[in-house]
N, C-alpha and C. Protein backbone atom coordinates (compact mmCIF):
# COMPACT_ATOMS: atom_id res chain seq x y z
N MET A 1 112.72 -154.85 48.99
CA MET A 1 112.08 -155.78 48.07
C MET A 1 111.18 -154.99 47.12
N ARG A 2 111.44 -155.15 45.81
CA ARG A 2 110.70 -154.38 44.81
C ARG A 2 109.56 -155.24 44.26
N HIS A 3 108.35 -154.87 44.59
CA HIS A 3 107.19 -155.61 44.10
C HIS A 3 106.70 -155.00 42.78
N ASN A 4 105.76 -155.66 42.15
CA ASN A 4 105.11 -155.19 40.91
C ASN A 4 106.12 -154.93 39.80
N LYS A 5 106.99 -155.88 39.56
CA LYS A 5 107.97 -155.72 38.49
C LYS A 5 107.43 -156.14 37.13
N LYS A 6 106.28 -156.79 37.12
CA LYS A 6 105.77 -157.35 35.87
C LYS A 6 105.50 -156.28 34.83
N ILE A 7 104.94 -155.16 35.23
CA ILE A 7 104.58 -154.09 34.31
C ILE A 7 105.72 -153.08 34.25
N ASN A 8 106.12 -152.71 33.06
CA ASN A 8 107.09 -151.63 32.91
C ASN A 8 106.33 -150.32 33.05
N HIS A 9 106.67 -149.56 34.05
CA HIS A 9 105.92 -148.32 34.33
C HIS A 9 106.33 -147.19 33.41
N LEU A 10 107.41 -147.35 32.66
CA LEU A 10 107.85 -146.37 31.66
C LEU A 10 108.10 -144.99 32.24
N GLY A 11 108.38 -144.92 33.54
CA GLY A 11 108.68 -143.63 34.17
C GLY A 11 107.50 -142.68 34.20
N ARG A 12 106.28 -143.20 34.21
CA ARG A 12 105.08 -142.36 34.15
C ARG A 12 104.08 -142.81 35.19
N GLN A 13 103.20 -141.90 35.56
CA GLN A 13 102.09 -142.24 36.43
C GLN A 13 101.07 -143.06 35.63
N ALA A 14 100.12 -143.66 36.31
CA ALA A 14 99.19 -144.60 35.68
C ALA A 14 98.40 -143.96 34.54
N ALA A 15 97.85 -142.77 34.77
CA ALA A 15 97.02 -142.13 33.75
C ALA A 15 97.85 -141.78 32.51
N HIS A 16 99.05 -141.26 32.75
CA HIS A 16 99.93 -140.89 31.64
C HIS A 16 100.35 -142.14 30.85
N ARG A 17 100.62 -143.22 31.57
CA ARG A 17 101.02 -144.47 30.92
C ARG A 17 99.88 -145.04 30.08
N LYS A 18 98.65 -145.00 30.60
CA LYS A 18 97.50 -145.50 29.84
C LYS A 18 97.26 -144.67 28.58
N ALA A 19 97.41 -143.36 28.70
CA ALA A 19 97.24 -142.49 27.53
C ALA A 19 98.32 -142.75 26.49
N LEU A 20 99.56 -142.93 26.96
CA LEU A 20 100.66 -143.22 26.05
C LEU A 20 100.42 -144.52 25.28
N LEU A 21 100.04 -145.57 26.00
CA LEU A 21 99.83 -146.86 25.35
C LEU A 21 98.63 -146.82 24.42
N ALA A 22 97.58 -146.08 24.78
CA ALA A 22 96.42 -145.95 23.89
C ALA A 22 96.82 -145.24 22.60
N ASN A 23 97.62 -144.18 22.71
CA ASN A 23 98.06 -143.46 21.51
C ASN A 23 98.99 -144.32 20.64
N LEU A 24 99.90 -145.04 21.28
CA LEU A 24 100.78 -145.93 20.51
C LEU A 24 99.97 -147.03 19.82
N ALA A 25 98.97 -147.57 20.51
CA ALA A 25 98.14 -148.62 19.92
C ALA A 25 97.35 -148.08 18.73
N ASN A 26 96.82 -146.86 18.86
CA ASN A 26 96.10 -146.23 17.74
C ASN A 26 97.02 -146.06 16.54
N SER A 27 98.23 -145.59 16.78
CA SER A 27 99.18 -145.40 15.69
C SER A 27 99.54 -146.73 15.04
N LEU A 28 99.74 -147.76 15.84
CA LEU A 28 100.08 -149.07 15.30
C LEU A 28 98.95 -149.63 14.45
N ILE A 29 97.72 -149.46 14.91
CA ILE A 29 96.58 -149.98 14.16
C ILE A 29 96.40 -149.21 12.85
N ARG A 30 96.59 -147.92 12.88
CA ARG A 30 96.40 -147.12 11.66
C ARG A 30 97.52 -147.29 10.66
N HIS A 31 98.78 -147.28 11.13
CA HIS A 31 99.93 -147.28 10.22
C HIS A 31 100.54 -148.66 10.04
N LYS A 32 100.16 -149.62 10.87
CA LYS A 32 100.64 -151.01 10.81
C LYS A 32 102.11 -151.17 11.19
N ARG A 33 102.85 -150.07 11.30
CA ARG A 33 104.26 -150.14 11.68
C ARG A 33 104.66 -148.78 12.25
N ILE A 34 105.27 -148.78 13.44
CA ILE A 34 105.71 -147.53 14.04
C ILE A 34 107.13 -147.69 14.58
N ASN A 35 107.79 -146.57 14.76
CA ASN A 35 109.15 -146.53 15.28
C ASN A 35 109.09 -145.99 16.70
N THR A 36 109.63 -146.73 17.66
CA THR A 36 109.59 -146.31 19.06
C THR A 36 110.75 -146.97 19.80
N THR A 37 110.82 -146.74 21.11
CA THR A 37 111.87 -147.37 21.90
C THR A 37 111.49 -148.82 22.19
N VAL A 38 112.47 -149.63 22.51
CA VAL A 38 112.22 -151.04 22.76
C VAL A 38 111.34 -151.22 24.00
N ALA A 39 111.56 -150.43 25.05
CA ALA A 39 110.75 -150.55 26.26
C ALA A 39 109.28 -150.25 25.98
N LYS A 40 109.03 -149.18 25.22
CA LYS A 40 107.64 -148.84 24.87
C LYS A 40 107.04 -149.90 23.95
N ALA A 41 107.85 -150.45 23.05
CA ALA A 41 107.34 -151.46 22.13
C ALA A 41 106.93 -152.73 22.88
N LYS A 42 107.73 -153.12 23.86
CA LYS A 42 107.39 -154.32 24.63
C LYS A 42 106.13 -154.09 25.47
N ALA A 43 106.00 -152.89 26.04
CA ALA A 43 104.79 -152.57 26.80
C ALA A 43 103.59 -152.50 25.86
N LEU A 44 103.79 -151.95 24.66
CA LEU A 44 102.70 -151.85 23.69
C LEU A 44 102.26 -153.23 23.22
N ARG A 45 103.20 -154.13 23.04
CA ARG A 45 102.84 -155.48 22.60
C ARG A 45 101.95 -156.16 23.63
N MET A 46 102.28 -155.99 24.93
CA MET A 46 101.44 -156.57 25.98
C MET A 46 100.07 -155.91 26.02
N TYR A 47 99.99 -154.65 25.60
CA TYR A 47 98.75 -153.88 25.64
C TYR A 47 97.84 -154.21 24.45
N VAL A 48 98.43 -154.33 23.25
CA VAL A 48 97.61 -154.38 22.04
C VAL A 48 97.25 -155.81 21.62
N GLU A 49 98.05 -156.80 21.97
CA GLU A 49 97.74 -158.15 21.51
C GLU A 49 96.44 -158.70 22.08
N PRO A 50 96.10 -158.48 23.35
CA PRO A 50 94.78 -158.91 23.82
C PRO A 50 93.64 -158.18 23.10
N LEU A 51 93.86 -156.92 22.71
CA LEU A 51 92.82 -156.19 21.98
C LEU A 51 92.61 -156.79 20.59
N ILE A 52 93.70 -157.19 19.95
CA ILE A 52 93.57 -157.81 18.63
C ILE A 52 92.86 -159.16 18.76
N THR A 53 93.14 -159.89 19.83
CA THR A 53 92.45 -161.16 20.06
C THR A 53 90.96 -160.92 20.26
N LYS A 54 90.61 -159.86 20.99
CA LYS A 54 89.19 -159.54 21.19
C LYS A 54 88.52 -159.16 19.87
N SER A 55 89.27 -158.60 18.95
CA SER A 55 88.68 -158.15 17.69
C SER A 55 88.30 -159.31 16.77
N LYS A 56 88.78 -160.52 17.07
CA LYS A 56 88.40 -161.67 16.24
C LYS A 56 86.91 -161.95 16.34
N LEU A 57 86.32 -161.69 17.49
CA LEU A 57 84.89 -161.89 17.69
C LEU A 57 84.21 -160.53 17.56
N ASP A 58 83.55 -160.31 16.43
CA ASP A 58 82.99 -158.99 16.14
C ASP A 58 81.59 -158.88 16.74
N THR A 59 81.54 -158.53 18.03
CA THR A 59 80.27 -158.29 18.70
C THR A 59 80.27 -156.87 19.25
N THR A 60 79.11 -156.41 19.61
CA THR A 60 79.00 -155.07 20.19
C THR A 60 79.80 -154.99 21.48
N HIS A 61 79.74 -156.04 22.28
CA HIS A 61 80.47 -156.02 23.55
C HIS A 61 81.98 -155.94 23.32
N SER A 62 82.50 -156.75 22.39
CA SER A 62 83.95 -156.71 22.17
C SER A 62 84.37 -155.36 21.58
N ARG A 63 83.53 -154.75 20.75
CA ARG A 63 83.85 -153.42 20.23
C ARG A 63 83.90 -152.39 21.37
N ARG A 64 82.97 -152.50 22.31
CA ARG A 64 82.96 -151.55 23.43
C ARG A 64 84.16 -151.76 24.34
N VAL A 65 84.54 -153.00 24.56
CA VAL A 65 85.71 -153.28 25.40
C VAL A 65 86.97 -152.71 24.75
N VAL A 66 87.12 -152.93 23.44
CA VAL A 66 88.30 -152.42 22.73
C VAL A 66 88.28 -150.90 22.72
N PHE A 67 87.09 -150.31 22.54
CA PHE A 67 86.99 -148.84 22.54
C PHE A 67 87.39 -148.26 23.89
N SER A 68 87.11 -148.98 24.99
CA SER A 68 87.48 -148.47 26.31
C SER A 68 89.00 -148.38 26.46
N TYR A 69 89.74 -149.19 25.70
CA TYR A 69 91.20 -149.13 25.73
C TYR A 69 91.75 -148.12 24.73
N LEU A 70 91.21 -148.12 23.51
CA LEU A 70 91.78 -147.29 22.45
C LEU A 70 91.27 -145.86 22.45
N LYS A 71 90.00 -145.66 22.80
CA LYS A 71 89.38 -144.34 22.87
C LYS A 71 89.42 -143.60 21.53
N ASP A 72 89.25 -144.35 20.43
CA ASP A 72 89.26 -143.76 19.10
C ASP A 72 88.39 -144.61 18.18
N LYS A 73 87.31 -144.01 17.66
CA LYS A 73 86.37 -144.76 16.83
C LYS A 73 87.00 -145.28 15.55
N GLN A 74 87.80 -144.44 14.90
CA GLN A 74 88.39 -144.85 13.63
C GLN A 74 89.36 -146.02 13.81
N ALA A 75 90.12 -146.00 14.88
CA ALA A 75 91.05 -147.10 15.14
C ALA A 75 90.29 -148.39 15.43
N VAL A 76 89.21 -148.29 16.18
CA VAL A 76 88.40 -149.48 16.48
C VAL A 76 87.79 -150.03 15.19
N ALA A 77 87.26 -149.13 14.35
CA ALA A 77 86.66 -149.56 13.09
C ALA A 77 87.69 -150.25 12.20
N GLU A 78 88.88 -149.69 12.12
CA GLU A 78 89.92 -150.29 11.28
C GLU A 78 90.38 -151.62 11.85
N LEU A 79 90.46 -151.71 13.17
CA LEU A 79 90.86 -152.96 13.80
C LEU A 79 89.88 -154.08 13.46
N PHE A 80 88.59 -153.80 13.56
CA PHE A 80 87.59 -154.83 13.31
C PHE A 80 87.37 -155.07 11.82
N ARG A 81 87.55 -154.04 10.99
CA ARG A 81 87.26 -154.16 9.56
C ARG A 81 88.43 -154.75 8.78
N GLU A 82 89.67 -154.29 9.03
CA GLU A 82 90.82 -154.70 8.22
C GLU A 82 91.71 -155.73 8.90
N ILE A 83 92.02 -155.50 10.16
CA ILE A 83 93.02 -156.34 10.83
C ILE A 83 92.44 -157.68 11.26
N ALA A 84 91.26 -157.67 11.86
CA ALA A 84 90.68 -158.90 12.40
C ALA A 84 90.50 -160.00 11.35
N PRO A 85 89.97 -159.71 10.15
CA PRO A 85 89.84 -160.80 9.17
C PRO A 85 91.19 -161.37 8.72
N LYS A 86 92.20 -160.53 8.68
CA LYS A 86 93.50 -160.97 8.19
C LYS A 86 94.24 -161.86 9.20
N ILE A 87 93.97 -161.65 10.50
CA ILE A 87 94.66 -162.43 11.53
C ILE A 87 93.74 -163.48 12.15
N ALA A 88 92.62 -163.77 11.51
CA ALA A 88 91.62 -164.65 12.11
C ALA A 88 92.18 -166.04 12.43
N ASP A 89 93.06 -166.57 11.61
CA ASP A 89 93.57 -167.92 11.85
C ASP A 89 94.87 -167.95 12.64
N ARG A 90 95.41 -166.79 13.00
CA ARG A 90 96.66 -166.74 13.77
C ARG A 90 96.33 -166.85 15.26
N PRO A 91 96.97 -167.77 15.99
CA PRO A 91 96.62 -167.97 17.40
C PRO A 91 97.29 -167.02 18.38
N GLY A 92 97.96 -166.01 17.93
CA GLY A 92 98.64 -165.06 18.80
C GLY A 92 99.91 -164.59 18.14
N GLY A 93 100.64 -163.72 18.81
CA GLY A 93 101.88 -163.22 18.24
C GLY A 93 101.64 -162.33 17.05
N TYR A 94 100.79 -161.33 17.22
CA TYR A 94 100.39 -160.47 16.10
C TYR A 94 101.41 -159.37 15.82
N CYS A 95 102.31 -159.11 16.76
CA CYS A 95 103.26 -158.01 16.61
C CYS A 95 104.68 -158.55 16.50
N ARG A 96 105.50 -157.83 15.76
CA ARG A 96 106.91 -158.17 15.60
C ARG A 96 107.73 -156.95 15.99
N ILE A 97 108.79 -157.14 16.77
CA ILE A 97 109.68 -156.05 17.16
C ILE A 97 111.02 -156.25 16.45
N LEU A 98 111.42 -155.25 15.68
CA LEU A 98 112.68 -155.28 14.93
C LEU A 98 113.58 -154.18 15.46
N LYS A 99 114.67 -154.54 16.10
CA LYS A 99 115.57 -153.53 16.67
C LYS A 99 116.33 -152.83 15.56
N THR A 100 116.44 -151.50 15.68
CA THR A 100 117.05 -150.70 14.61
C THR A 100 118.31 -149.98 15.03
N GLY A 101 118.68 -150.04 16.28
CA GLY A 101 119.90 -149.35 16.70
C GLY A 101 119.61 -148.43 17.86
N PHE A 102 120.42 -147.39 17.97
CA PHE A 102 120.31 -146.49 19.11
C PHE A 102 120.02 -145.07 18.64
N ARG A 103 119.20 -144.35 19.41
CA ARG A 103 118.86 -142.97 19.09
C ARG A 103 120.06 -142.09 19.37
N LEU A 104 120.30 -141.12 18.50
CA LEU A 104 121.49 -140.29 18.63
C LEU A 104 121.46 -139.41 19.88
N GLY A 105 120.32 -138.86 20.23
CA GLY A 105 120.27 -137.90 21.32
C GLY A 105 120.59 -138.48 22.68
N ASP A 106 119.99 -139.63 23.00
CA ASP A 106 120.16 -140.18 24.34
C ASP A 106 120.57 -141.65 24.33
N ALA A 107 120.89 -142.20 23.17
CA ALA A 107 121.33 -143.59 23.03
C ALA A 107 120.28 -144.59 23.51
N ALA A 108 119.00 -144.21 23.42
CA ALA A 108 117.94 -145.15 23.74
C ALA A 108 117.84 -146.18 22.62
N GLU A 109 117.61 -147.43 22.98
CA GLU A 109 117.52 -148.49 21.97
C GLU A 109 116.19 -148.37 21.24
N MET A 110 116.26 -148.21 19.91
CA MET A 110 115.08 -147.98 19.09
C MET A 110 114.70 -149.25 18.34
N CYS A 111 113.43 -149.29 17.90
CA CYS A 111 112.96 -150.45 17.16
C CYS A 111 111.73 -150.09 16.35
N PHE A 112 111.39 -150.96 15.43
CA PHE A 112 110.10 -150.91 14.75
C PHE A 112 109.23 -151.95 15.42
N ILE A 113 107.97 -151.61 15.64
CA ILE A 113 106.99 -152.62 16.03
C ILE A 113 105.95 -152.61 14.93
N GLU A 114 105.62 -153.80 14.44
CA GLU A 114 104.71 -153.89 13.30
C GLU A 114 103.77 -155.06 13.47
N LEU A 115 102.66 -154.99 12.76
CA LEU A 115 101.74 -156.11 12.73
C LEU A 115 102.27 -157.12 11.72
N VAL A 116 102.33 -158.37 12.12
CA VAL A 116 103.03 -159.40 11.35
C VAL A 116 102.42 -159.60 9.97
N ASP A 117 101.11 -159.65 9.85
CA ASP A 117 100.47 -159.96 8.58
C ASP A 117 100.41 -158.78 7.62
N PHE A 118 100.86 -157.62 8.03
CA PHE A 118 100.76 -156.43 7.19
C PHE A 118 102.11 -155.96 6.68
N ASN A 119 103.13 -156.77 6.77
CA ASN A 119 104.46 -156.35 6.33
C ASN A 119 104.66 -156.76 4.88
N GLU A 120 104.62 -155.77 3.95
CA GLU A 120 104.82 -156.06 2.53
C GLU A 120 106.30 -156.19 2.19
N THR A 121 107.17 -155.73 3.05
CA THR A 121 108.60 -155.76 2.76
C THR A 121 109.09 -157.19 2.58
N TYR A 122 108.65 -158.11 3.46
CA TYR A 122 109.12 -159.48 3.36
C TYR A 122 108.57 -160.16 2.12
N THR A 123 107.34 -159.86 1.73
CA THR A 123 106.79 -160.47 0.52
C THR A 123 107.49 -159.94 -0.72
N LYS A 124 107.87 -158.67 -0.75
CA LYS A 124 108.60 -158.11 -1.89
C LYS A 124 109.99 -158.74 -1.99
N GLU A 125 110.66 -158.93 -0.86
CA GLU A 125 111.99 -159.52 -0.87
C GLU A 125 111.93 -160.96 -1.38
N ALA A 126 110.86 -161.68 -1.07
CA ALA A 126 110.73 -163.04 -1.56
C ALA A 126 110.60 -163.06 -3.08
N LYS A 127 109.87 -162.11 -3.65
CA LYS A 127 109.72 -162.04 -5.10
C LYS A 127 111.04 -161.67 -5.75
N VAL A 128 111.78 -160.75 -5.15
CA VAL A 128 113.06 -160.33 -5.71
C VAL A 128 114.06 -161.48 -5.63
N ALA A 129 114.02 -162.26 -4.59
CA ALA A 129 114.97 -163.36 -4.41
C ALA A 129 114.76 -164.46 -5.45
N GLU A 130 113.57 -164.57 -6.03
CA GLU A 130 113.30 -165.61 -7.01
C GLU A 130 114.01 -165.37 -8.33
N LYS A 131 114.38 -164.14 -8.66
CA LYS A 131 115.03 -163.84 -9.93
C LYS A 131 116.42 -164.48 -9.95
N PRO A 132 116.79 -165.12 -11.05
CA PRO A 132 118.14 -165.69 -11.13
C PRO A 132 119.18 -164.60 -11.29
N LYS A 133 120.29 -164.78 -10.63
CA LYS A 133 121.35 -163.79 -10.68
C LYS A 133 122.38 -164.22 -11.72
N THR A 134 122.86 -163.26 -12.49
CA THR A 134 123.88 -163.56 -13.49
C THR A 134 125.24 -163.25 -12.91
N ARG A 135 126.23 -164.04 -13.33
CA ARG A 135 127.59 -163.82 -12.86
C ARG A 135 128.39 -163.23 -13.99
N ARG A 136 129.16 -162.24 -13.67
CA ARG A 136 129.99 -161.59 -14.67
C ARG A 136 131.43 -161.61 -14.19
N SER A 137 132.33 -161.91 -15.11
CA SER A 137 133.74 -161.90 -14.76
C SER A 137 134.47 -160.93 -15.68
N ARG A 138 135.63 -160.50 -15.27
CA ARG A 138 136.38 -159.52 -16.06
C ARG A 138 136.87 -160.12 -17.37
N SER A 139 137.31 -161.36 -17.36
CA SER A 139 137.83 -161.98 -18.58
C SER A 139 136.72 -162.16 -19.60
N GLY A 140 135.52 -162.42 -19.15
CA GLY A 140 134.39 -162.59 -20.06
C GLY A 140 133.90 -161.28 -20.62
N ALA A 141 134.20 -160.17 -19.96
CA ALA A 141 133.71 -158.87 -20.42
C ALA A 141 134.38 -158.47 -21.72
N LYS A 142 135.69 -158.76 -21.89
CA LYS A 142 136.40 -158.40 -23.12
C LYS A 142 135.88 -159.22 -24.29
N LYS A 143 135.65 -160.50 -24.06
CA LYS A 143 135.15 -161.37 -25.12
C LYS A 143 133.72 -161.01 -25.50
N ALA A 144 132.93 -160.62 -24.53
CA ALA A 144 131.53 -160.29 -24.79
C ALA A 144 131.40 -158.96 -25.51
N ALA A 145 132.37 -158.06 -25.40
CA ALA A 145 132.28 -156.75 -26.03
C ALA A 145 132.33 -156.86 -27.54
N GLU A 146 133.12 -157.78 -28.09
CA GLU A 146 133.24 -157.93 -29.54
C GLU A 146 131.93 -158.40 -30.18
N PRO A 147 131.24 -159.42 -29.67
CA PRO A 147 129.97 -159.81 -30.28
C PRO A 147 128.90 -158.73 -30.15
N VAL A 148 128.95 -157.92 -29.11
CA VAL A 148 127.96 -156.86 -28.93
C VAL A 148 128.10 -155.84 -30.04
N GLU A 149 129.34 -155.48 -30.40
CA GLU A 149 129.55 -154.51 -31.48
C GLU A 149 129.04 -155.07 -32.80
N ALA A 150 129.30 -156.35 -33.06
CA ALA A 150 128.82 -156.97 -34.30
C ALA A 150 127.30 -157.02 -34.32
N ALA A 151 126.69 -157.29 -33.18
CA ALA A 151 125.24 -157.33 -33.09
C ALA A 151 124.66 -155.94 -33.31
N ALA A 152 125.34 -154.90 -32.83
CA ALA A 152 124.86 -153.53 -33.01
C ALA A 152 124.85 -153.16 -34.49
N GLU A 153 125.84 -153.63 -35.27
CA GLU A 153 125.88 -153.34 -36.70
C GLU A 153 124.73 -154.04 -37.42
N THR A 154 124.44 -155.29 -37.05
CA THR A 154 123.34 -155.99 -37.70
C THR A 154 122.01 -155.37 -37.34
N VAL A 155 121.84 -154.92 -36.12
CA VAL A 155 120.61 -154.26 -35.70
C VAL A 155 120.45 -152.95 -36.46
N ALA A 156 121.54 -152.23 -36.69
CA ALA A 156 121.48 -150.96 -37.40
C ALA A 156 121.01 -151.18 -38.83
N THR A 157 121.49 -152.20 -39.50
CA THR A 157 121.06 -152.47 -40.88
C THR A 157 119.61 -152.92 -40.91
N ASP A 158 119.17 -153.65 -39.89
CA ASP A 158 117.78 -154.08 -39.83
C ASP A 158 116.84 -152.91 -39.58
N THR A 159 117.26 -151.94 -38.80
CA THR A 159 116.37 -150.82 -38.46
C THR A 159 116.29 -149.79 -39.56
N GLU A 160 117.21 -149.79 -40.53
CA GLU A 160 117.14 -148.80 -41.61
C GLU A 160 115.94 -149.06 -42.50
N ALA A 161 115.66 -150.28 -42.85
CA ALA A 161 114.53 -150.60 -43.72
C ALA A 161 113.20 -150.27 -43.05
N PRO A 162 112.96 -150.64 -41.79
CA PRO A 162 111.69 -150.25 -41.17
C PRO A 162 111.55 -148.74 -41.03
N ALA A 163 112.64 -148.02 -40.89
CA ALA A 163 112.54 -146.56 -40.78
C ALA A 163 112.00 -145.99 -42.07
N GLU A 164 112.39 -146.53 -43.24
CA GLU A 164 111.87 -146.04 -44.52
C GLU A 164 110.40 -146.40 -44.66
N GLU A 165 110.02 -147.57 -44.19
CA GLU A 165 108.62 -147.98 -44.26
C GLU A 165 107.75 -147.10 -43.38
N VAL A 166 108.27 -146.65 -42.27
CA VAL A 166 107.52 -145.79 -41.36
C VAL A 166 107.21 -144.47 -42.04
N LYS A 167 108.12 -143.95 -42.85
CA LYS A 167 107.88 -142.69 -43.54
C LYS A 167 106.73 -142.82 -44.52
N LYS A 168 106.57 -143.99 -45.14
CA LYS A 168 105.51 -144.21 -46.10
C LYS A 168 104.19 -144.53 -45.42
N ALA A 169 104.19 -144.88 -44.14
CA ALA A 169 102.99 -145.26 -43.42
C ALA A 169 102.04 -144.08 -43.30
N PRO A 170 100.72 -144.33 -43.19
CA PRO A 170 99.76 -143.23 -43.06
C PRO A 170 99.92 -142.49 -41.74
N ALA A 171 99.26 -141.34 -41.65
CA ALA A 171 99.39 -140.46 -40.48
C ALA A 171 98.81 -141.09 -39.22
N LYS A 172 97.94 -142.07 -39.35
CA LYS A 172 97.33 -142.71 -38.19
C LYS A 172 98.36 -143.42 -37.32
N LYS A 173 99.45 -143.84 -37.91
CA LYS A 173 100.47 -144.57 -37.16
C LYS A 173 101.59 -143.64 -36.70
N ALA A 174 101.22 -142.44 -36.28
CA ALA A 174 102.21 -141.47 -35.82
C ALA A 174 102.92 -141.97 -34.56
N ALA A 175 102.20 -142.70 -33.74
CA ALA A 175 102.81 -143.23 -32.52
C ALA A 175 103.91 -144.23 -32.85
N ALA A 176 103.74 -144.97 -33.95
CA ALA A 176 104.75 -145.94 -34.35
C ALA A 176 105.98 -145.25 -34.93
N LYS A 177 105.81 -144.06 -35.49
CA LYS A 177 106.92 -143.34 -36.10
C LYS A 177 107.95 -142.92 -35.06
N LYS A 178 107.48 -142.42 -33.94
CA LYS A 178 108.39 -141.87 -32.94
C LYS A 178 109.37 -142.91 -32.40
N PRO A 179 108.92 -144.11 -31.97
CA PRO A 179 109.90 -145.08 -31.47
C PRO A 179 110.88 -145.52 -32.55
N ALA A 180 110.40 -145.69 -33.80
CA ALA A 180 111.30 -146.12 -34.87
C ALA A 180 112.32 -145.03 -35.17
N ALA A 181 111.87 -143.76 -35.14
CA ALA A 181 112.79 -142.66 -35.39
C ALA A 181 113.84 -142.57 -34.29
N LYS A 182 113.43 -142.80 -33.05
CA LYS A 182 114.39 -142.76 -31.94
C LYS A 182 115.41 -143.87 -32.07
N LYS A 183 114.95 -145.07 -32.46
CA LYS A 183 115.87 -146.18 -32.63
C LYS A 183 116.88 -145.88 -33.73
N ALA A 184 116.38 -145.31 -34.85
CA ALA A 184 117.28 -144.99 -35.96
C ALA A 184 118.30 -143.93 -35.53
N ALA A 185 117.84 -142.95 -34.73
CA ALA A 185 118.75 -141.89 -34.27
C ALA A 185 119.80 -142.46 -33.32
N GLU A 186 119.41 -143.42 -32.49
CA GLU A 186 120.36 -144.02 -31.57
C GLU A 186 121.37 -144.90 -32.31
N GLU A 187 120.92 -145.58 -33.37
CA GLU A 187 121.79 -146.48 -34.11
C GLU A 187 122.77 -145.73 -35.01
N ALA A 188 122.37 -144.54 -35.50
CA ALA A 188 123.23 -143.78 -36.41
C ALA A 188 124.57 -143.43 -35.76
N PRO A 189 124.60 -142.91 -34.52
CA PRO A 189 125.91 -142.65 -33.90
C PRO A 189 126.71 -143.92 -33.68
N ALA A 190 126.05 -145.05 -33.46
CA ALA A 190 126.77 -146.30 -33.27
C ALA A 190 127.47 -146.71 -34.56
N GLU A 191 126.85 -146.44 -35.71
CA GLU A 191 127.47 -146.77 -36.99
C GLU A 191 128.71 -145.90 -37.23
N GLU A 192 128.63 -144.61 -36.88
CA GLU A 192 129.75 -143.71 -37.08
C GLU A 192 130.96 -144.12 -36.26
N LYS A 193 130.73 -144.59 -35.03
CA LYS A 193 131.82 -145.01 -34.15
C LYS A 193 132.48 -146.29 -34.67
N ALA A 194 131.70 -147.16 -35.26
CA ALA A 194 132.23 -148.45 -35.74
C ALA A 194 132.95 -148.31 -37.04
């Protein structure tokens, strides 16, 4: 009969396991996202979530309790200064485990463990998803090519007059000369091809 199955011992003695979890917790607090094995990530989640809950109440006692687990002043300061205010209204579940596949050397299952409120990737994807997507078809590409060439000719005639005006402009507008000159240079080869 195998007792004490609740804690994953991670193949280490107690002191080594405590040091490992303290170091992983420090890295998670500092970097907000780390890459590790799934077994270590699950053990780390059980280790660090009560510490994050303790950080919601910023008292000397709670700082000392958290320091006894983390053993790093900078990590404790960052936990209470940056992380605690951001997760103040969250009732738990501060960490997310995202499985990433298997390690090549020993086929250990790997994952990212991250703090939920500090993931900018999901917020960036939401902004990108809001942009409307255009559909292009092959039959429409041939028809669209003809109006583009006609538009290029009209743009070329429009840019010739401003290019002459730029030459007459005073020296103070030198910055305006360069973009107009580049446009004229780009349009000139387009005219020769047409």
